[in-house]
PDB file of N, CA and C in Angstrom:
ATOM      1  N   MET A   1     165.692  72.245 118.371  1.00  0.00           N
ATOM      2  CA  MET A   1     166.104  73.117 117.237  1.00  0.00           C
ATOM      3  C   MET A   1     166.361  74.587 117.994  1.00  0.00           C
ATOM      4  N   SER A   2     167.417  75.202 117.364  1.00  0.00           N
ATOM      5  CA  SER A   2     167.792  76.397 117.835  1.00  0.00           C
ATOM      6  C   SER A   2     166.818  77.605 117.498  1.00  0.00           C
ATOM      7  N   THR A   3     166.861  78.633 118.235  1.00  0.00           N
ATOM      8  CA  THR A   3     165.952  79.906 118.064  1.00  0.00           C
ATOM      9  C   THR A   3     166.238  80.385 116.677  1.00  0.00           C
ATOM     10  N   ALA A   4     167.431  80.548 116.395  1.00  0.00           N
ATOM     11  CA  ALA A   4     167.850  81.167 115.112  1.00  0.00           C
ATOM     12  C   ALA A   4     167.297  80.389 113.946  1.00  0.00           C
ATOM     13  N   LYS A   5     167.452  79.157 114.029  1.00  0.00           N
ATOM     14  CA  LYS A   5     166.995  78.264 112.936  1.00  0.00           C
ATOM     15  C   LYS A   5     165.465  78.227 112.796  1.00  0.00           C
ATOM     16  N   SER A   6     164.771  78.244 113.928  1.00  0.00           N
ATOM     17  CA  SER A   6     163.237  78.388 113.928  1.00  0.00           C
ATOM     18  C   SER A   6     162.706  79.626 113.319  1.00  0.00           C
ATOM     19  N   ALA A   7     163.476  80.746 113.746  1.00  0.00           N
ATOM     20  CA  ALA A   7     163.043  82.062 113.293  1.00  0.00           C
ATOM     21  C   ALA A   7     163.251  82.194 111.654  1.00  0.00           C
ATOM     22  N   LYS A   8     164.370  81.515 111.238  1.00  0.00           N
ATOM     23  CA  LYS A   8     164.602  81.589 109.839  1.00  0.00           C
ATOM     24  C   LYS A   8     163.586  80.706 109.068  1.00  0.00           C
ATOM     25  N   ALA A   9     163.218  79.666 109.644  1.00  0.00           N
ATOM     26  CA  ALA A   9     162.125  78.813 108.930  1.00  0.00           C
ATOM     27  C   ALA A   9     160.854  79.489 108.859  1.00  0.00           C
ATOM     28  N   GLN A  10     160.606  80.491 109.669  1.00  0.00           N
ATOM     29  CA  GLN A  10     159.310  81.173 109.818  1.00  0.00           C
ATOM     30  C   GLN A  10     159.287  82.439 108.850  1.00  0.00           C
ATOM     31  N   THR A  11     160.314  82.691 108.125  1.00  0.00           N
ATOM     32  CA  THR A  11     160.370  83.847 107.222  1.00  0.00           C
ATOM     33  C   THR A  11     160.483  83.463 105.774  1.00  0.00           C
ATOM     34  N   ASN A  12     159.984  84.287 104.867  1.00  0.00           N
ATOM     35  CA  ASN A  12     160.255  83.983 103.483  1.00  0.00           C
ATOM     36  C   ASN A  12     160.928  85.274 102.787  1.00  0.00           C
ATOM     37  N   ALA A  13     161.712  85.011 101.884  1.00  0.00           N
ATOM     38  CA  ALA A  13     162.271  86.171 101.071  1.00  0.00           C
ATOM     39  C   ALA A  13     161.199  86.439 100.037  1.00  0.00           C
ATOM     40  N   VAL A  14     160.929  87.645  99.902  1.00  0.00           N
ATOM     41  CA  VAL A  14     159.940  88.125  98.844  1.00  0.00           C
ATOM     42  C   VAL A  14     160.610  89.324  98.074  1.00  0.00           C
ATOM     43  N   THR A  15     160.542  89.105  96.710  1.00  0.00           N
ATOM     44  CA  THR A  15     161.035  90.107  95.898  1.00  0.00           C
ATOM     45  C   THR A  15     159.889  91.140  95.663  1.00  0.00           C
ATOM     46  N   ILE A  16     160.238  92.436  95.904  1.00  0.00           N
ATOM     47  CA  ILE A  16     159.316  93.610  95.708  1.00  0.00           C
ATOM     48  C   ILE A  16     159.895  94.486  94.702  1.00  0.00           C
ATOM     49  N   ASN A  17     159.068  95.348  94.245  1.00  0.00           N
ATOM     50  CA  ASN A  17     159.439  96.360  93.206  1.00  0.00           C
ATOM     51  C   ASN A  17     158.922  97.632  93.578  1.00  0.00           C
ATOM     52  N   VAL A  18     159.792  98.670  93.748  1.00  0.00           N
ATOM     53  CA  VAL A  18     159.364 100.014  94.116  1.00  0.00           C
ATOM     54  C   VAL A  18     159.991 101.016  93.232  1.00  0.00           C
ATOM     55  N   LEU A  19     159.283 101.734  92.465  1.00  0.00           N
ATOM     56  CA  LEU A  19     159.616 102.655  91.409  1.00  0.00           C
ATOM     57  C   LEU A  19     160.763 102.036  90.579  1.00  0.00           C
ATOM     58  N   GLY A  20     160.441 100.777  90.122  1.00  0.00           N
ATOM     59  CA  GLY A  20     161.283 100.137  89.149  1.00  0.00           C
ATOM     60  C   GLY A  20     162.516  99.529  89.754  1.00  0.00           C
ATOM     61  N   ARG A  21     162.708  99.631  90.989  1.00  0.00           N
ATOM     62  CA  ARG A  21     163.910  99.005  91.642  1.00  0.00           C
ATOM     63  C   ARG A  21     163.458  97.766  92.490  1.00  0.00           C
ATOM     64  N   GLU A  22     164.243  96.718  92.285  1.00  0.00           N
ATOM     65  CA  GLU A  22     163.870  95.431  93.004  1.00  0.00           C
ATOM     66  C   GLU A  22     164.629  95.309  94.299  1.00  0.00           C
ATOM     67  N   PHE A  23     163.875  94.782  95.231  1.00  0.00           N
ATOM     68  CA  PHE A  23     164.422  94.588  96.579  1.00  0.00           C
ATOM     69  C   PHE A  23     163.999  93.156  97.102  1.00  0.00           C
ATOM     70  N   ARG A  24     164.813  92.563  97.808  1.00  0.00           N
ATOM     71  CA  ARG A  24     164.370  91.249  98.492  1.00  0.00           C
ATOM     72  C   ARG A  24     164.254  91.536  99.994  1.00  0.00           C
ATOM     73  N   VAL A  25     163.063  91.252 100.484  1.00  0.00           N
ATOM     74  CA  VAL A  25     162.850  91.562 101.937  1.00  0.00           C
ATOM     75  C   VAL A  25     162.276  90.264 102.522  1.00  0.00           C
ATOM     76  N   ALA A  26     162.570  90.190 103.892  1.00  0.00           N
ATOM     77  CA  ALA A  26     161.963  88.997 104.565  1.00  0.00           C
ATOM     78  C   ALA A  26     160.576  89.348 105.039  1.00  0.00           C
ATOM     79  N   ALA A  27     159.757  88.243 104.888  1.00  0.00           N
ATOM     80  CA  ALA A  27     158.349  88.497 105.364  1.00  0.00           C
ATOM     81  C   ALA A  27     158.069  87.286 106.328  1.00  0.00           C
ATOM     82  N   PRO A  28     157.418  87.552 107.487  1.00  0.00           N
ATOM     83  CA  PRO A  28     156.995  86.366 108.306  1.00  0.00           C
ATOM     84  C   PRO A  28     156.060  85.437 107.458  1.00  0.00           C
ATOM     85  N   ASP A  29     156.218  84.260 107.822  1.00  0.00           N
ATOM     86  CA  ASP A  29     155.408  83.225 107.203  1.00  0.00           C
ATOM     87  C   ASP A  29     153.923  83.464 107.196  1.00  0.00           C
ATOM     88  N   GLY A  30     153.294  83.682 106.191  1.00  0.00           N
ATOM     89  CA  GLY A  30     151.793  84.022 106.105  1.00  0.00           C
ATOM     90  C   GLY A  30     151.518  85.462 105.944  1.00  0.00           C
ATOM     91  N   GLU A  31     152.541  86.262 105.970  1.00  0.00           N
ATOM     92  CA  GLU A  31     152.390  87.679 105.908  1.00  0.00           C
ATOM     93  C   GLU A  31     152.855  88.253 104.590  1.00  0.00           C
ATOM     94  N   GLU A  32     153.076  87.495 103.576  1.00  0.00           N
ATOM     95  CA  GLU A  32     153.509  87.963 102.295  1.00  0.00           C
ATOM     96  C   GLU A  32     152.499  88.788 101.674  1.00  0.00           C
ATOM     97  N   ARG A  33     151.140  88.443 101.779  1.00  0.00           N
ATOM     98  CA  ARG A  33     150.125  89.299 101.124  1.00  0.00           C
ATOM     99  C   ARG A  33     150.001  90.597 101.768  1.00  0.00           C
ATOM    100  N   HIS A  34     150.223  90.726 102.994  1.00  0.00           N
ATOM    101  CA  HIS A  34     150.156  91.999 103.685  1.00  0.00           C
ATOM    102  C   HIS A  34     151.380  92.817 103.225  1.00  0.00           C
ATOM    103  N   LEU A  35     152.536  92.276 103.179  1.00  0.00           N
ATOM    104  CA  LEU A  35     153.760  92.967 102.688  1.00  0.00           C
ATOM    105  C   LEU A  35     153.477  93.535 101.238  1.00  0.00           C
ATOM    106  N   LEU A  36     153.016  92.713 100.435  1.00  0.00           N
ATOM    107  CA  LEU A  36     152.713  93.170  98.927  1.00  0.00           C
ATOM    108  C   LEU A  36     151.658  94.185  98.908  1.00  0.00           C
ATOM    109  N   ALA A  37     150.653  94.188  99.771  1.00  0.00           N
ATOM    110  CA  ALA A  37     149.655  95.247  99.910  1.00  0.00           C
ATOM    111  C   ALA A  37     150.291  96.606 100.301  1.00  0.00           C
ATOM    112  N   SER A  38     151.235  96.439 101.257  1.00  0.00           N
ATOM    113  CA  SER A  38     151.988  97.597 101.768  1.00  0.00           C
ATOM    114  C   SER A  38     152.850  98.274 100.753  1.00  0.00           C
ATOM    115  N   VAL A  39     153.510  97.337  99.948  1.00  0.00           N
ATOM    116  CA  VAL A  39     154.388  97.751  98.843  1.00  0.00           C
ATOM    117  C   VAL A  39     153.490  98.453  97.728  1.00  0.00           C
ATOM    118  N   ASP A  40     152.353  97.935  97.491  1.00  0.00           N
ATOM    119  CA  ASP A  40     151.449  98.611  96.502  1.00  0.00           C
ATOM    120  C   ASP A  40     151.180  99.944  96.873  1.00  0.00           C
ATOM    121  N   LEU A  41     150.834 100.104  98.126  1.00  0.00           N
ATOM    122  CA  LEU A  41     150.325 101.430  98.741  1.00  0.00           C
ATOM    123  C   LEU A  41     151.523 102.393  98.649  1.00  0.00           C
ATOM    124  N   VAL A  42     152.652 102.005  99.114  1.00  0.00           N
ATOM    125  CA  VAL A  42     153.879 102.807  99.007  1.00  0.00           C
ATOM    126  C   VAL A  42     154.255 103.177  97.605  1.00  0.00           C
ATOM    127  N   ASN A  43     154.218 102.200  96.666  1.00  0.00           N
ATOM    128  CA  ASN A  43     154.594 102.336  95.360  1.00  0.00           C
ATOM    129  C   ASN A  43     153.604 103.382  94.667  1.00  0.00           C
ATOM    130  N   ARG A  44     152.363 103.259  94.915  1.00  0.00           N
ATOM    131  CA  ARG A  44     151.453 104.175  94.288  1.00  0.00           C
ATOM    132  C   ARG A  44     151.630 105.544  94.864  1.00  0.00           C
ATOM    133  N   LYS A  45     151.815 105.780  96.189  1.00  0.00           N
ATOM    134  CA  LYS A  45     152.173 107.068  96.748  1.00  0.00           C
ATOM    135  C   LYS A  45     153.482 107.679  96.189  1.00  0.00           C
ATOM    136  N   MET A  46     154.489 106.906  95.950  1.00  0.00           N
ATOM    137  CA  MET A  46     155.710 107.423  95.405  1.00  0.00           C
ATOM    138  C   MET A  46     155.590 107.856  94.040  1.00  0.00           C
ATOM    139  N   LYS A  47     154.873 107.071  93.200  1.00  0.00           N
ATOM    140  CA  LYS A  47     154.540 107.368  91.822  1.00  0.00           C
ATOM    141  C   LYS A  47     153.772 108.691  91.717  1.00  0.00           C
ATOM    142  N   GLU A  48     152.770 108.888  92.560  1.00  0.00           N
ATOM    143  CA  GLU A  48     152.030 110.120  92.662  1.00  0.00           C
ATOM    144  C   GLU A  48     152.810 111.337  92.927  1.00  0.00           C
ATOM    145  N   ILE A  49     153.808 111.241  93.827  1.00  0.00           N
ATOM    146  CA  ILE A  49     154.762 112.344  94.266  1.00  0.00           C
ATOM    147  C   ILE A  49     155.744 112.531  93.112  1.00  0.00           C
ATOM    148  N   ARG A  50     156.260 111.476  92.459  1.00  0.00           N
ATOM    149  CA  ARG A  50     157.204 111.646  91.373  1.00  0.00           C
ATOM    150  C   ARG A  50     156.555 112.298  90.132  1.00  0.00           C
ATOM    151  N   ASP A  51     155.314 111.915  89.870  1.00  0.00           N
ATOM    152  CA  ASP A  51     154.632 112.361  88.821  1.00  0.00           C
ATOM    153  C   ASP A  51     154.279 113.917  88.843  1.00  0.00           C
ATOM    154  N   THR A  52     154.363 114.470  90.085  1.00  0.00           N
ATOM    155  CA  THR A  52     154.059 115.923  90.147  1.00  0.00           C
ATOM    156  C   THR A  52     155.235 116.635  89.611  1.00  0.00           C
ATOM    157  N   GLY A  53     156.361 116.049  89.577  1.00  0.00           N
ATOM    158  CA  GLY A  53     157.704 116.753  89.187  1.00  0.00           C
ATOM    159  C   GLY A  53     158.221 117.689  90.114  1.00  0.00           C
ATOM    160  N   LYS A  54     157.709 117.894  91.205  1.00  0.00           N
ATOM    161  CA  LYS A  54     158.179 118.790  92.238  1.00  0.00           C
ATOM    162  C   LYS A  54     159.250 118.237  93.176  1.00  0.00           C
ATOM    163  N   VAL A  55     159.325 116.879  93.202  1.00  0.00           N
ATOM    164  CA  VAL A  55     160.347 116.250  94.079  1.00  0.00           C
ATOM    165  C   VAL A  55     161.279 115.378  93.157  1.00  0.00           C
ATOM    166  N   VAL A  56     162.617 115.560  93.338  1.00  0.00           N
ATOM    167  CA  VAL A  56     163.594 114.809  92.441  1.00  0.00           C
ATOM    168  C   VAL A  56     164.384 113.892  93.392  1.00  0.00           C
ATOM    169  N   GLY A  57     164.611 112.706  92.925  1.00  0.00           N
ATOM    170  CA  GLY A  57     165.406 111.731  93.691  1.00  0.00           C
ATOM    171  C   GLY A  57     164.624 110.797  94.445  1.00  0.00           C
ATOM    172  N   ASN A  58     164.934 109.499  94.156  1.00  0.00           N
ATOM    173  CA  ASN A  58     164.115 108.446  94.820  1.00  0.00           C
ATOM    174  C   ASN A  58     164.035 108.519  96.421  1.00  0.00           C
ATOM    175  N   GLU A  59     165.253 108.818  96.958  1.00  0.00           N
ATOM    176  CA  GLU A  59     165.196 109.044  98.416  1.00  0.00           C
ATOM    177  C   GLU A  59     164.304 110.177  98.927  1.00  0.00           C
ATOM    178  N   ARG A  60     164.255 111.245  98.343  1.00  0.00           N
ATOM    179  CA  ARG A  60     163.441 112.254  98.669  1.00  0.00           C
ATOM    180  C   ARG A  60     162.000 111.939  98.354  1.00  0.00           C
ATOM    181  N   ILE A  61     161.757 111.295  97.354  1.00  0.00           N
ATOM    182  CA  ILE A  61     160.339 110.886  96.927  1.00  0.00           C
ATOM    183  C   ILE A  61     159.826 109.851  98.099  1.00  0.00           C
ATOM    184  N   ALA A  62     160.776 108.962  98.418  1.00  0.00           N
ATOM    185  CA  ALA A  62     160.412 107.986  99.525  1.00  0.00           C
ATOM    186  C   ALA A  62     160.044 108.645 100.821  1.00  0.00           C
ATOM    187  N   ILE A  63     160.821 109.711 101.165  1.00  0.00           N
ATOM    188  CA  ILE A  63     160.678 110.410 102.448  1.00  0.00           C
ATOM    189  C   ILE A  63     159.287 111.159 102.372  1.00  0.00           C
ATOM    190  N   MET A  64     159.027 111.722 101.257  1.00  0.00           N
ATOM    191  CA  MET A  64     157.820 112.470 101.107  1.00  0.00           C
ATOM    192  C   MET A  64     156.631 111.474 101.178  1.00  0.00           C
ATOM    193  N   ALA A  65     156.713 110.349 100.547  1.00  0.00           N
ATOM    194  CA  ALA A  65     155.644 109.357 100.512  1.00  0.00           C
ATOM    195  C   ALA A  65     155.393 108.793 101.990  1.00  0.00           C
ATOM    196  N   ALA A  66     156.523 108.576 102.675  1.00  0.00           N
ATOM    197  CA  ALA A  66     156.333 108.150 104.062  1.00  0.00           C
ATOM    198  C   ALA A  66     155.797 109.064 104.970  1.00  0.00           C
ATOM    199  N   LEU A  67     156.080 110.448 104.749  1.00  0.00           N
ATOM    200  CA  LEU A  67     155.533 111.407 105.570  1.00  0.00           C
ATOM    201  C   LEU A  67     154.029 111.686 105.196  1.00  0.00           C
ATOM    202  N   ASN A  68     153.707 111.514 103.895  1.00  0.00           N
ATOM    203  CA  ASN A  68     152.283 111.750 103.495  1.00  0.00           C
ATOM    204  C   ASN A  68     151.474 110.647 104.069  1.00  0.00           C
ATOM    205  N   LEU A  69     151.987 109.365 103.965  1.00  0.00           N
ATOM    206  CA  LEU A  69     151.202 108.280 104.539  1.00  0.00           C
ATOM    207  C   LEU A  69     151.078 108.220 105.932  1.00  0.00           C
ATOM    208  N   ALA A  70     152.122 108.701 106.686  1.00  0.00           N
ATOM    209  CA  ALA A  70     152.055 108.919 108.164  1.00  0.00           C
ATOM    210  C   ALA A  70     150.907 110.007 108.452  1.00  0.00           C
ATOM    211  N   HIS A  71     151.037 111.105 107.839  1.00  0.00           N
ATOM    212  CA  HIS A  71     150.120 112.251 108.014  1.00  0.00           C
ATOM    213  C   HIS A  71     148.642 111.780 107.711  1.00  0.00           C
ATOM    214  N   GLU A  72     148.430 111.003 106.638  1.00  0.00           N
ATOM    215  CA  GLU A  72     147.048 110.570 106.366  1.00  0.00           C
ATOM    216  C   GLU A  72     146.644 109.576 107.491  1.00  0.00           C
ATOM    217  N   GLN A  73     147.558 108.696 107.882  1.00  0.00           N
ATOM    218  CA  GLN A  73     147.256 107.839 108.935  1.00  0.00           C
ATOM    219  C   GLN A  73     146.823 108.545 110.265  1.00  0.00           C
ATOM    220  N   LEU A  74     147.598 109.552 110.703  1.00  0.00           N
ATOM    221  CA  LEU A  74     147.389 110.246 111.819  1.00  0.00           C
ATOM    222  C   LEU A  74     146.148 111.181 111.834  1.00  0.00           C
ATOM    223  N   GLN A  75     145.882 111.715 110.651  1.00  0.00           N
ATOM    224  CA  GLN A  75     144.722 112.651 110.433  1.00  0.00           C
ATOM    225  C   GLN A  75     143.482 111.868 110.671  1.00  0.00           C
ATOM    226  N   SER A  76     143.359 110.696 110.178  1.00  0.00           N
ATOM    227  CA  SER A  76     142.095 109.975 110.288  1.00  0.00           C
ATOM    228  C   SER A  76     142.492 108.404 110.445  1.00  0.00           C
ATOM    229  N   PRO A  77     142.847 108.002 111.596  1.00  0.00           N
ATOM    230  CA  PRO A  77     143.188 106.552 111.742  1.00  0.00           C
ATOM    231  C   PRO A  77     141.986 105.600 111.363  1.00  0.00           C
ATOM    232  N   ALA A  78     140.794 105.988 111.922  1.00  0.00           N
ATOM    233  CA  ALA A  78     139.633 104.981 111.708  1.00  0.00           C
ATOM    234  C   ALA A  78     139.405 104.964 110.211  1.00  0.00           C
ATOM    235  N   GLN A  79     139.349 106.149 109.493  1.00  0.00           N
ATOM    236  CA  GLN A  79     139.035 106.117 108.056  1.00  0.00           C
ATOM    237  C   GLN A  79     140.101 105.453 107.205  1.00  0.00           C
ATOM    238  N   SER A  80     141.309 105.692 107.591  1.00  0.00           N
ATOM    239  CA  SER A  80     142.452 105.094 106.868  1.00  0.00           C
ATOM    240  C   SER A  80     142.463 103.685 106.999  1.00  0.00           C
ATOM    241  N   ALA A  81     142.283 103.143 108.242  1.00  0.00           N
ATOM    242  CA  ALA A  81     142.246 101.743 108.571  1.00  0.00           C
ATOM    243  C   ALA A  81     141.142 101.118 107.842  1.00  0.00           C
ATOM    244  N   THR A  82     139.986 101.631 107.770  1.00  0.00           N
ATOM    245  CA  THR A  82     138.892 101.214 107.024  1.00  0.00           C
ATOM    246  C   THR A  82     139.175 101.084 105.549  1.00  0.00           C
ATOM    247  N   ALA A  83     139.829 102.106 104.952  1.00  0.00           N
ATOM    248  CA  ALA A  83     140.083 101.987 103.508  1.00  0.00           C
ATOM    249  C   ALA A  83     141.200 100.957 103.254  1.00  0.00           C
ATOM    250  N   VAL A  84     142.077 100.811 104.021  1.00  0.00           N
ATOM    251  CA  VAL A  84     143.140  99.641 103.890  1.00  0.00           C
ATOM    252  C   VAL A  84     142.524  98.302 104.094  1.00  0.00           C
ATOM    253  N   THR A  85     141.634  98.272 105.029  1.00  0.00           N
ATOM    254  CA  THR A  85     140.951  96.892 105.281  1.00  0.00           C
ATOM    255  C   THR A  85     140.062  96.555 104.119  1.00  0.00           C
ATOM    256  N   LYS A  86     139.348  97.432 103.539  1.00  0.00           N
ATOM    257  CA  LYS A  86     138.601  97.120 102.409  1.00  0.00           C
ATOM    258  C   LYS A  86     139.375  96.605 101.266  1.00  0.00           C
ATOM    259  N   THR A  87     140.528  97.118 101.019  1.00  0.00           N
ATOM    260  CA  THR A  87     141.295  96.768  99.866  1.00  0.00           C
ATOM    261  C   THR A  87     142.170  95.568 100.027  1.00  0.00           C
ATOM    262  N   THR A  88     142.623  95.267 101.328  1.00  0.00           N
ATOM    263  CA  THR A  88     143.473  94.268 101.585  1.00  0.00           C
ATOM    264  C   THR A  88     142.979  93.188 102.666  1.00  0.00           C
ATOM    265  N   ASN A  89     141.775  93.532 103.258  1.00  0.00           N
ATOM    266  CA  ASN A  89     141.182  92.664 104.214  1.00  0.00           C
ATOM    267  C   ASN A  89     142.064  92.343 105.353  1.00  0.00           C
ATOM    268  N   ILE A  90     142.757  93.468 105.845  1.00  0.00           N
ATOM    269  CA  ILE A  90     143.583  93.253 107.013  1.00  0.00           C
ATOM    270  C   ILE A  90     143.214  94.375 107.998  1.00  0.00           C
ATOM    271  N   ALA A  91     143.630  94.074 109.306  1.00  0.00           N
ATOM    272  CA  ALA A  91     143.427  95.149 110.390  1.00  0.00           C
ATOM    273  C   ALA A  91     144.704  95.970 110.515  1.00  0.00           C
ATOM    274  N   ILE A  92     144.613  97.069 111.039  1.00  0.00           N
ATOM    275  CA  ILE A  92     145.734  97.965 111.248  1.00  0.00           C
ATOM    276  C   ILE A  92     146.170  98.041 112.755  1.00  0.00           C
ATOM    277  N   ASP A  93     147.302  97.717 113.104  1.00  0.00           N
ATOM    278  CA  ASP A  93     147.861  97.915 114.438  1.00  0.00           C
ATOM    279  C   ASP A  93     148.678  99.201 114.376  1.00  0.00           C
ATOM    280  N   GLU A  94     148.081 100.394 114.930  1.00  0.00           N
ATOM    281  CA  GLU A  94     148.661 101.624 114.911  1.00  0.00           C
ATOM    282  C   GLU A  94     149.975 101.731 115.452  1.00  0.00           C
ATOM    283  N   ALA A  95     150.304 101.131 116.518  1.00  0.00           N
ATOM    284  CA  ALA A  95     151.699 101.138 117.130  1.00  0.00           C
ATOM    285  C   ALA A  95     152.745 100.461 116.273  1.00  0.00           C
ATOM    286  N   TYR A  96     152.228  99.349 115.612  1.00  0.00           N
ATOM    287  CA  TYR A  96     153.144  98.616 114.722  1.00  0.00           C
ATOM    288  C   TYR A  96     153.417  99.484 113.467  1.00  0.00           C
ATOM    289  N   VAL A  97     152.412 100.131 112.930  1.00  0.00           N
ATOM    290  CA  VAL A  97     152.702 100.977 111.716  1.00  0.00           C
ATOM    291  C   VAL A  97     153.575 102.144 112.045  1.00  0.00           C
ATOM    292  N   LYS A  98     153.247 102.871 113.271  1.00  0.00           N
ATOM    293  CA  LYS A  98     154.160 103.906 113.692  1.00  0.00           C
ATOM    294  C   LYS A  98     155.648 103.501 113.895  1.00  0.00           C
ATOM    295  N   SER A  99     155.763 102.284 114.435  1.00  0.00           N
ATOM    296  CA  SER A  99     157.182 101.829 114.683  1.00  0.00           C
ATOM    297  C   SER A  99     157.848 101.517 113.292  1.00  0.00           C
ATOM    298  N   LYS A 100     157.061 100.937 112.350  1.00  0.00           N
ATOM    299  CA  LYS A 100     157.695 100.643 111.053  1.00  0.00           C
ATOM    300  C   LYS A 100     157.946 102.021 110.337  1.00  0.00           C
ATOM    301  N   ILE A 101     157.141 103.000 110.414  1.00  0.00           N
ATOM    302  CA  ILE A 101     157.331 104.346 109.782  1.00  0.00           C
ATOM    303  C   ILE A 101     158.616 104.849 110.313  1.00  0.00           C
ATOM    304  N   SER A 102     158.742 104.878 111.706  1.00  0.00           N
ATOM    305  CA  SER A 102     160.024 105.366 112.295  1.00  0.00           C
ATOM    306  C   SER A 102     161.277 104.728 111.864  1.00  0.00           C
ATOM    307  N   ALA A 103     161.084 103.418 111.764  1.00  0.00           N
ATOM    308  CA  ALA A 103     162.338 102.590 111.343  1.00  0.00           C
ATOM    309  C   ALA A 103     162.630 102.972 109.839  1.00  0.00           C
ATOM    310  N   PHE A 104     161.546 103.135 108.978  1.00  0.00           N
ATOM    311  CA  PHE A 104     161.685 103.500 107.591  1.00  0.00           C
ATOM    312  C   PHE A 104     162.384 104.894 107.420  1.00  0.00           C
ATOM    313  N   GLU A 105     161.906 105.827 108.230  1.00  0.00           N
ATOM    314  CA  GLU A 105     162.377 107.228 108.209  1.00  0.00           C
ATOM    315  C   GLU A 105     163.953 107.206 108.594  1.00  0.00           C
ATOM    316  N   ALA A 106     164.314 106.445 109.715  1.00  0.00           N
ATOM    317  CA  ALA A 106     165.730 106.319 110.076  1.00  0.00           C
ATOM    318  C   ALA A 106     166.555 105.826 109.013  1.00  0.00           C
ATOM    319  N   THR A 107     166.027 104.734 108.204  1.00  0.00           N
ATOM    320  CA  THR A 107     166.867 104.157 107.267  1.00  0.00           C
ATOM    321  C   THR A 107     166.966 105.278 106.085  1.00  0.00           C
ATOM    322  N   LEU A 108     165.886 105.897 105.708  1.00  0.00           N
ATOM    323  CA  LEU A 108     165.951 106.954 104.678  1.00  0.00           C
ATOM    324  C   LEU A 108     166.929 108.120 105.021  1.00  0.00           C
ATOM    325  N   GLU A 109     166.801 108.486 106.349  1.00  0.00           N
ATOM    326  CA  GLU A 109     167.754 109.596 106.736  1.00  0.00           C
ATOM    327  C   GLU A 109     169.145 109.168 106.625  1.00  0.00           C
ATOM    328  N   LYS A 110     169.485 107.894 106.935  1.00  0.00           N
ATOM    329  CA  LYS A 110     170.878 107.450 106.894  1.00  0.00           C
ATOM    330  C   LYS A 110     171.305 107.436 105.393  1.00  0.00           C
ATOM    331  N   ALA A 111     170.343 106.933 104.465  1.00  0.00           N
ATOM    332  CA  ALA A 111     170.765 106.875 103.090  1.00  0.00           C
ATOM    333  C   ALA A 111     170.969 108.196 102.528  1.00  0.00           C
ATOM    334  N   ILE A 112     170.100 109.172 102.893  1.00  0.00           N
ATOM    335  CA  ILE A 112     170.277 110.474 102.404  1.00  0.00           C
ATOM    336  C   ILE A 112     171.510 111.182 102.931  1.00  0.00           C
ATOM    337  N   SER A 113     171.799 111.006 104.211  1.00  0.00           N
ATOM    338  CA  SER A 113     173.011 111.606 104.669  1.00  0.00           C
ATOM    339  C   SER A 113     174.257 111.037 104.038  1.00  0.00           C
ATOM    340  N   GLU A 114     174.282 109.753 103.661  1.00  0.00           N
ATOM    341  CA  GLU A 114     175.417 109.135 102.952  1.00  0.00           C
ATOM    342  C   GLU A 114     175.506 109.739 101.571  1.00  0.00           C
ATOM    343  N   GLN A 115     174.340 110.062 100.905  1.00  0.00           N
ATOM    344  CA  GLN A 115     174.306 110.429  99.525  1.00  0.00           C
ATOM    345  C   GLN A 115     174.762 111.974  99.504  1.00  0.00           C
ATOM    346  N   GLU A 116     174.450 112.617 100.663  1.00  0.00           N
ATOM    347  CA  GLU A 116     174.899 114.085 100.644  1.00  0.00           C
ATOM    348  C   GLU A 116     176.412 114.176 100.730  1.00  0.00           C
ATOM    349  N   LYS A 117     177.026 113.238 101.222  1.00  0.00           N
ATOM    350  CA  LYS A 117     178.533 113.262 101.446  1.00  0.00           C
ATOM    351  C   LYS A 117     179.113 113.069 100.074  1.00  0.00           C
ATOM    352  N   LEU A 118     178.357 112.596  99.044  1.00  0.00           N
ATOM    353  CA  LEU A 118     179.027 112.433  97.827  1.00  0.00           C
ATOM    354  C   LEU A 118     179.175 113.695  96.950  1.00  0.00           C
ATOM    355  N   PHE A 119     178.393 114.734  97.401  1.00  0.00           N
ATOM    356  CA  PHE A 119     178.261 115.895  96.682  1.00  0.00           C
ATOM    357  C   PHE A 119     178.989 117.025  97.245  1.00  0.00           C
TER     358      PHE A 119
END
């Protein structure tokens, strides 16, 4: 069996909803629950920011949520990991989280720069 085929067989497409928008994302086999817990955390943070009324636009809300979550993680990694573990029963790999946040920020920056060209 080829590597590409075996990698494809080990991921599942999961539909997620963030601020009322649906996305389909790939999740490694057996990691769907962790993905959904992450989506819930991000969605709650984004709604919290949106509901303040101080930040307008989903992209900006997403950036603020990412920055707030990263700040919370970096301020108290042990406390943050314990809180997430209690609610989702998972362990936090700090390097993995930081790499995902960096990738997320890069994607958001690209989306925002493309949006700014429209105005």
